[in-house]
């Protein structure tokens, strides 16, 4: 399962980087979404995907026996999703306001209209 998830993660990261190299602001934001989801999937895959056991140490034991999924990576991803959603909403509002004020959503046109002022 891990090789498939790694392949999907790398495809998401590659598509995100490709979209972030575009000139349109909305495509850049979609690239940001894909990149963050690809990185979150890579972190989840690095924490092992296992349903064999629950990561709870039984009474009287000092370590876990067997394979288990790492809960730390899942907690990191949950935090990253919440923060990423907040940053995405802020960037969407900022892009909307910039495109409305400058009458363009093209990055080059935005920078040219700023130089003209």
C-alpha atoms as a PDB file:
ATOM      1  CA  UNK A   1       0.000   0.000   0.000  1.00  0.00           C
ATOM      2  CA  UNK A   2       2.859   2.385   0.770  1.00  0.00           C
ATOM      3  CA  UNK A   3       4.284   2.372  -2.810  1.00  0.00           C
ATOM      4  CA  UNK A   4       0.874   3.284  -4.237  1.00  0.00           C
ATOM      5  CA  UNK A   5       0.404   6.095  -1.718  1.00  0.00           C
ATOM      6  CA  UNK A   6       3.919   7.368  -2.445  1.00  0.00           C
ATOM      7  CA  UNK A   7       3.158   7.415  -6.166  1.00  0.00           C
ATOM      8  CA  UNK A   8      -0.119   9.283  -5.611  1.00  0.00           C
ATOM      9  CA  UNK A   9       1.654  11.730  -3.312  1.00  0.00           C
ATOM     10  CA  UNK A  10       4.362  12.435  -5.878  1.00  0.00           C
ATOM     11  CA  UNK A  11       1.746  12.972  -8.603  1.00  0.00           C
ATOM     12  CA  UNK A  12      -0.099  15.461  -6.393  1.00  0.00           C
ATOM     13  CA  UNK A  13       3.119  17.322  -5.587  1.00  0.00           C
ATOM     14  CA  UNK A  14       4.159  17.420  -9.263  1.00  0.00           C
ATOM     15  CA  UNK A  15       0.726  18.684 -10.355  1.00  0.00           C
ATOM     16  CA  UNK A  16       0.786  21.287  -7.572  1.00  0.00           C
ATOM     17  CA  UNK A  17       4.201  22.589  -8.584  1.00  0.00           C
ATOM     18  CA  UNK A  18       3.108  22.696 -12.236  1.00  0.00           C
ATOM     19  CA  UNK A  19       0.015  24.716 -11.378  1.00  0.00           C
ATOM     20  CA  UNK A  20       1.980  27.071  -9.134  1.00  0.00           C
ATOM     21  CA  UNK A  21       4.148  27.989 -12.128  1.00  0.00           C
ATOM     22  CA  UNK A  22       1.115  29.296 -14.046  1.00  0.00           C
ATOM     23  CA  UNK A  23       0.335  33.001 -14.463  1.00  0.00           C
ATOM     24  CA  UNK A  24      -3.281  32.977 -13.300  1.00  0.00           C
ATOM     25  CA  UNK A  25      -3.818  33.554  -9.576  1.00  0.00           C
ATOM     26  CA  UNK A  26      -6.564  30.936  -9.213  1.00  0.00           C
ATOM     27  CA  UNK A  27      -4.368  28.235 -10.767  1.00  0.00           C
ATOM     28  CA  UNK A  28      -1.602  29.166  -8.346  1.00  0.00           C
ATOM     29  CA  UNK A  29      -4.024  28.681  -5.444  1.00  0.00           C
ATOM     30  CA  UNK A  30      -5.190  25.320  -6.838  1.00  0.00           C
ATOM     31  CA  UNK A  31      -1.536  24.333  -7.069  1.00  0.00           C
ATOM     32  CA  UNK A  32      -1.115  25.302  -3.429  1.00  0.00           C
ATOM     33  CA  UNK A  33      -4.027  23.021  -2.503  1.00  0.00           C
ATOM     34  CA  UNK A  34      -2.603  20.080  -4.448  1.00  0.00           C
ATOM     35  CA  UNK A  35       0.874  20.622  -3.042  1.00  0.00           C
ATOM     36  CA  UNK A  36      -0.329  20.727   0.551  1.00  0.00           C
ATOM     37  CA  UNK A  37      -2.484  17.616   0.059  1.00  0.00           C
ATOM     38  CA  UNK A  38       0.428  15.765  -1.540  1.00  0.00           C
ATOM     39  CA  UNK A  39       2.726  16.640   1.341  1.00  0.00           C
ATOM     40  CA  UNK A  40       0.079  15.597   3.876  1.00  0.00           C
ATOM     41  CA  UNK A  41      -0.287  12.267   2.094  1.00  0.00           C
ATOM     42  CA  UNK A  42       3.492  11.801   2.133  1.00  0.00           C
ATOM     43  CA  UNK A  43       3.576  12.443   5.888  1.00  0.00           C
ATOM     44  CA  UNK A  44       0.746   9.946   6.407  1.00  0.00           C
ATOM     45  CA  UNK A  45       2.576   7.346   4.329  1.00  0.00           C
ATOM     46  CA  UNK A  46       5.799   7.914   6.265  1.00  0.00           C
ATOM     47  CA  UNK A  47       3.908   7.213   9.514  1.00  0.00           C
ATOM     48  CA  UNK A  48       3.044   3.708   8.248  1.00  0.00           C
ATOM     49  CA  UNK A  49      -0.333   2.575   7.096  1.00  0.00           C
ATOM     50  CA  UNK A  50      -1.265  -0.317   9.313  1.00  0.00           C
ATOM     51  CA  UNK A  51      -4.531  -1.641  10.646  1.00  0.00           C
ATOM     52  CA  UNK A  52      -2.940  -4.539  12.528  1.00  0.00           C
ATOM     53  CA  UNK A  53      -2.991  -2.953  15.947  1.00  0.00           C
ATOM     54  CA  UNK A  54      -3.997   0.045  17.958  1.00  0.00           C
ATOM     55  CA  UNK A  55      -1.058   2.199  19.178  1.00  0.00           C
ATOM     56  CA  UNK A  56      -1.937   1.778  22.865  1.00  0.00           C
ATOM     57  CA  UNK A  57       0.557   0.205  25.263  1.00  0.00           C
ATOM     58  CA  UNK A  58      -1.158  -2.592  27.197  1.00  0.00           C
ATOM     59  CA  UNK A  59      -1.049  -2.587  31.011  1.00  0.00           C
ATOM     60  CA  UNK A  60       2.181  -4.017  32.374  1.00  0.00           C
ATOM     61  CA  UNK A  61       4.138  -3.546  29.109  1.00  0.00           C
ATOM     62  CA  UNK A  62       6.732  -0.890  28.392  1.00  0.00           C
ATOM     63  CA  UNK A  63       6.726  -0.991  24.581  1.00  0.00           C
ATOM     64  CA  UNK A  64       4.314  -1.829  21.803  1.00  0.00           C
ATOM     65  CA  UNK A  65       4.553  -5.204  20.151  1.00  0.00           C
ATOM     66  CA  UNK A  66       3.797  -5.690  16.471  1.00  0.00           C
ATOM     67  CA  UNK A  67       3.154  -3.159  13.772  1.00  0.00           C
ATOM     68  CA  UNK A  68       0.969  -0.148  14.306  1.00  0.00           C
ATOM     69  CA  UNK A  69       0.214   3.166  12.640  1.00  0.00           C
ATOM     70  CA  UNK A  70       2.041   6.135  14.089  1.00  0.00           C
ATOM     71  CA  UNK A  71      -0.526   8.553  15.599  1.00  0.00           C
ATOM     72  CA  UNK A  72       1.924  11.482  15.536  1.00  0.00           C
ATOM     73  CA  UNK A  73       1.785  11.788  11.756  1.00  0.00           C
ATOM     74  CA  UNK A  74      -1.999  11.761  11.871  1.00  0.00           C
ATOM     75  CA  UNK A  75      -2.032  14.562  14.453  1.00  0.00           C
ATOM     76  CA  UNK A  76       0.413  16.605  12.349  1.00  0.00           C
ATOM     77  CA  UNK A  77      -1.756  16.180   9.277  1.00  0.00           C
ATOM     78  CA  UNK A  78      -4.880  17.240  11.139  1.00  0.00           C
ATOM     79  CA  UNK A  79      -3.122  20.402  12.275  1.00  0.00           C
ATOM     80  CA  UNK A  80      -1.755  21.032   8.769  1.00  0.00           C
ATOM     81  CA  UNK A  81      -5.194  20.658   7.209  1.00  0.00           C
ATOM     82  CA  UNK A  82      -6.734  23.230   9.549  1.00  0.00           C
ATOM     83  CA  UNK A  83      -3.904  25.726   9.090  1.00  0.00           C
ATOM     84  CA  UNK A  84      -3.825  25.134   5.329  1.00  0.00           C
ATOM     85  CA  UNK A  85      -7.560  25.779   5.077  1.00  0.00           C
ATOM     86  CA  UNK A  86      -7.204  29.080   6.922  1.00  0.00           C
ATOM     87  CA  UNK A  87      -4.304  30.178   4.720  1.00  0.00           C
ATOM     88  CA  UNK A  88      -6.216  29.145   1.588  1.00  0.00           C
ATOM     89  CA  UNK A  89      -9.276  31.192   2.558  1.00  0.00           C
ATOM     90  CA  UNK A  90      -7.072  34.209   3.286  1.00  0.00           C
ATOM     91  CA  UNK A  91      -5.314  33.834  -0.082  1.00  0.00           C
ATOM     92  CA  UNK A  92      -8.642  33.455  -1.914  1.00  0.00           C
ATOM     93  CA  UNK A  93      -9.970  36.659  -0.383  1.00  0.00           C
ATOM     94  CA  UNK A  94      -6.699  38.437  -1.135  1.00  0.00           C
ATOM     95  CA  UNK A  95      -6.730  37.229  -4.763  1.00  0.00           C
ATOM     96  CA  UNK A  96     -10.368  38.241  -5.178  1.00  0.00           C
ATOM     97  CA  UNK A  97      -9.694  41.707  -3.839  1.00  0.00           C
ATOM     98  CA  UNK A  98      -6.562  42.145  -5.964  1.00  0.00           C
ATOM     99  CA  UNK A  99      -8.293  40.967  -9.138  1.00  0.00           C
ATOM    100  CA  UNK A 100     -11.273  43.216  -8.444  1.00  0.00           C
ATOM    101  CA  UNK A 101      -9.141  46.294  -7.792  1.00  0.00           C
ATOM    102  CA  UNK A 102      -6.695  45.679 -10.654  1.00  0.00           C
ATOM    103  CA  UNK A 103      -9.253  44.270 -13.148  1.00  0.00           C
ATOM    104  CA  UNK A 104      -7.135  41.214 -13.877  1.00  0.00           C
ATOM    105  CA  UNK A 105      -6.267  37.862 -12.344  1.00  0.00           C
ATOM    106  CA  UNK A 106      -3.056  37.529 -14.364  1.00  0.00           C
ATOM    107  CA  UNK A 107       0.076  37.880 -12.257  1.00  0.00           C
ATOM    108  CA  UNK A 108       1.989  39.803 -14.938  1.00  0.00           C
ATOM    109  CA  UNK A 109      -0.889  42.210 -15.523  1.00  0.00           C
ATOM    110  CA  UNK A 110      -1.165  42.795 -11.802  1.00  0.00           C
ATOM    111  CA  UNK A 111       2.500  43.699 -11.501  1.00  0.00           C
ATOM    112  CA  UNK A 112       2.316  45.982 -14.565  1.00  0.00           C
ATOM    113  CA  UNK A 113      -0.730  47.842 -13.237  1.00  0.00           C
ATOM    114  CA  UNK A 114       1.091  48.425  -9.936  1.00  0.00           C
ATOM    115  CA  UNK A 115       4.071  49.948 -11.768  1.00  0.00           C
ATOM    116  CA  UNK A 116       1.798  52.293 -13.704  1.00  0.00           C
ATOM    117  CA  UNK A 117       0.381  53.826 -10.533  1.00  0.00           C
END
